[in-house]
Amino acid sequence: MRRHKKLLAVAICCSALFSGCASQFDPGTTLAQLPAASLPPPEPKVVVPVVALPTLITSYEKALAANSDPRTRRQIQLRLADLEMERLEQQQADNPEMAVAYREAVRRYEALLQTSADDDYLAYRLARARAIDGNTGGALNALESIIETAPDSPFIAEALFRRGEAAFSRRQYRAAERDFAAVLAQGQTPFAQNARYMLGWSRFKDARYRDAGETFLSLLDELLAENSEKPLPLDELEKGQRRLADDTLRVLALGFNYLGGAEVIESFNTENLEPSSRSSRSSRSYQHELYRALGDWYAESERYRDGAQTFLTYVERNPDSRIAPSMHVRAVEILQQGNFPSEVLPAKRDFVTRYGINSLYWIDADDALRADLRGQLKPWLEELARFDHARGQALAREAAKRTSKASAVAKAKRDSQSAFLAASALYGEYLQTFPDDAKVPQLTFLMAECLNEAGLYAQAYEAYSKVAWEYAERTGLTQATEAGYAAILMAGQMHEREKNPEQATLWLDRKTETSLKFAETWPQDSRALAVQLDAANNLFEQFRHAETIAAAEKAANWQPPPNAQQRRRILLLLGHSHFETDNFPVAESAYAQLFASITSSDPEYLAIRDRLQSAIYKQAEILLQQVHLTSDSLEYIAPTEEAIALLLRVRDSGRSEVAAVAQYDAINQLIKLERWPVARAEVADFRQFYPNHRLTPSLTAKAVAIYQGLDMPGAAADELLLLAANDSDPEVRRSSLYLAAEQFQQAGAAQKAIDAYRQYVRTWRQPALQNLEAQQQLVSLYATSGNQRERNLWLQSLAGNKVSEPRGRYLAASAQTELAAQSYARFERLSLTLPLKQSLKNKKQAMEATVADYRKVLDFGIAEFTTAANFRLAEVYRQLSRDLMDSQRPNGLNPLELEQYEILLEEQAYPFEEKAIELHEANIQRTASGIYDDWIKSSFSSLETLLPARYRKPETTVEWSDAAY
């Protein structure tokens, strides 16, 4: 490796192995031009005599023959190969036209490599010798060996570069790309810059234009020091580097074209690069040069539109650039060069938009730049404004033609509006840019006209106001008056069109002020009174009611006097204003005058009637509000009755929505005062006149309260059924149906109550407990009616319910107890008669059914029913035992047979009696748990009969003794 380092300087100076077919740069010296190798120099103080090459070669050959040490022989052989190479090169230099063969040098190097295949220096020297000898393939093979066996060789960069050039020449662009990229991976080498250039060309030739573009841009970044704090301008590059940069820009332009044009340039910004290649700026300092290169290439190719668009794209992407205006002007020049007058004008218009006084660019510009911009803006502003104004007028005339098609007229109107809009904006910008120009008054009026035609009423308002009052002396009285009236119209237009409530109010205020100012300035004008009344109306819309009244009264005293229509308008404004200020009696008087003066055919008849009724209603409302503030039950009666009278008086002027609401409120107040008969009559009246009113359904609940107050549960139940059928709220329907059933029950209408409860049970399964309560009521009602069959059906339903709540289980236990009692009664009624076998079978079947029913009662575990069930079960067995003993005896038995028969009966009856005793004793044991009721008492009584010795004991009275104390 030490020898390799010494030879690195020699390798750096080597020239190209192959010529670069696509490059316009000097790739360096070739391997054939590599200077002859020499042994390391002696110590500086030793002077080595100059020896001729043939003599020196002869000396080394003798030394080789005399030396047997392998290592020394190899060093001598390497030196002989280098000397032979040097001799041949010297011979070539002395005889330029003579073909010199390097075979001997090649042979020597090849021989050495036979024993040292991984020696990169030998491989490099062999590649050079083969290249000079014309064996290009062999030279490449030698370089391949360096690449494969010595990746850390100082010759690796050149080896990769030369192999890449060869691949490029063979149009193997992917292979070339791989090698050039590998060269770049070696870091800063003499071949890095050229490798980057050739890497870009390899990708370009492979039609990978984006990858190529990124590579070429990284080369430009390097040439122009883009990653430094002060990048170099293109003009400051040295001649060779400038030529390389120009060539790179041109190939970039070609690539951008293939990728889609100017739109792709920004996609190559440094923010999209790898972090190692990214500069501190997202847009390169030479970004405009990329656009300029592409735009000029388009212009040279006579693609004028594309060229102009490229410059405009830069302007769009870099609006704040100081050179953006010049780029824009270049675009206009290209369009003019291509003779595209229809596109020149839009380009000029865009220039005005981007760099005019209203642009952000103008705001940020310095005085020198603004002066340059003014020189270009003044002619273009006026040119564009007059062009658009004339075009707008022509289109307006076209739109006014009735012979044209509707679609054509609509289009002409839209285009005309756009033209006037553009013209007004340009006039305004001219006035703003050149405020001291002599054309300012004239152009202000023209601008106002265009703004009006374009529908920009806010700006037109401002312009007309200036003409009317600021420039009045310079424009004339007539024009000033017309401008003042137009300003009113513009403010009105803005008020009507403005969607923002705050802005709409602002424009109404402006219209009001302008109207009052107009009437004050020109009172003799024929439009003055109408303007005054309009101002009064505006004041009302602004809720400035006191000012509305003042303005309306001033209009009433106008000279000449107002006509009938104006007078009517004045009264309406006065009535509305008094109404809004809560002066309802005065408002009622005003509305009454208006209502009396019109007929039912008048378009405003209904509106005035409603306002009159509302004024009366509001008086009642105020009384009721006062009532709500008192806590004395006696003090609120009189004002409430007065309010009711007002509410019912509303309908005197006609049945209406207001009258309906007033009557509805009166009904509420009558209910509050418990005026049941009157409330009932008003409810009936409301239903008669307003059967489909939105409030009519809610009267049902009120009717229920009224009928309950009148103690008419049947009628209340009928109303509740209406609620149950028609109310939108399911909960109201459910509760109303249940209440209806209760009211029918209270009224004694048993069948209606049954029907209502049955409907409830079928319709409302939830809440489950309420459903069970309805079933319980049906059980009670059917018991009263004597319909035992239906009663048992509902008892069975109750007994089988699955509701887990205590009440549900209680009702189930109670119903099951009822059913068990019926089973017990059937069992008890059966007597044992002859033939005993059949009657006993029937009796036992009845017993089993009874026992099963009472077992079900016991399953519920409710003490109230458990003791009864236990008692009944015990009595079942006791009854069977007793019935056996009391059963009918067969006829014809002699005394002995009869005695034996009696014994048999006792044997049959005894187990049942024992079972009865067991069950009764189990029942009375519940006293230990604190349970003692009538059924346990009954068990005690039964046990006294069954086991008198144990349970029939006389009670003893224990007297208190004071001795214990």
Foldseek 3Di string as FASTA:
>chain_A
DVVLVVCLVLLQQAAALDDQPPDPDGQHHHLLPRAQDDDDDDDPVDDDDDDDLVVVLVVLVVVLVVDDDVVVNLVSLVVNLSSLSNVQSVVCVVPVVDQGALVVSLVSLVVSCVVVVLDLVSLSNNLSSCSSNVNNVSSLVSLVSCVVRPVPRSNVLSNLQNVLSVCVVVLVLVSSLVSLVVSVVVPDGPNVLVSLQSNLVSCVSVVVLVVSLLSLVLSVCVQQVQQDPDGHDLVPGDPVSNVVNLVSLLVNLVSCVVVPALVCLLVSFLVNPDPVSHHPDRHTPCSVSSLQSNLVVCLVVVVLQRSLVSLVVVCVVCVQDPCNLVSLVVSLVSCVVSPPVVVNLVSLVVSCVSQFPPHPNVVPDDPVSVVVSVVSLQVSLVVLLVVLLVLLVVLQVVLPDPVDDPVSNVVSLVSSLVSLVSNLVSLVSNCVSCVPDPCNLVSLVSSLVSCVSNVVLVSNLVSLCCCQPVCDVVNDNVSNLVSLVSSLVSLVSCLVPDPDVVSNLVSLVVSLVSLVVSCVVCVVDPCNLVSLLSSLVSCVVNVVLVVSLVSLVVSCPDPVHDDPVSVLSSLVSNLSSCVSVVVLVVSLVSLVVVQVVDDPPDPCNVVSLVSNLVSLLSVLVVLVVVLVPDDDPVVNPVSLVVSLVSLCCSCVSHDDPSNLVSLVVSLVSCVVVLVLVVSVVSLVVSCVVCVPDPCNLVCLVVVLSSCVSVVNLQSSLVSLCSQLVDPPDPVSNLVSLQSSLVSCVVVVVLVVSLVSLVVSLVPDCPPVLVSLVSLVVNLVSCVVVVVVVVNLVSLVVLLPDDDPDPSSLVSNLVSLLVVLVVLLVVLLPQAQEPVRVVSLVVNVVSLVVSLVSLVSSVVSVDLVSVLVSLLSNLVSLVSSLVRLLVYDDDPPDDPVRVVVVNVVSNVVSVVSNVSSLVSLVVSLVCVVVVDDDPSNVVSLVVCCVSPVVVRVDDDDDDDDDPVVD
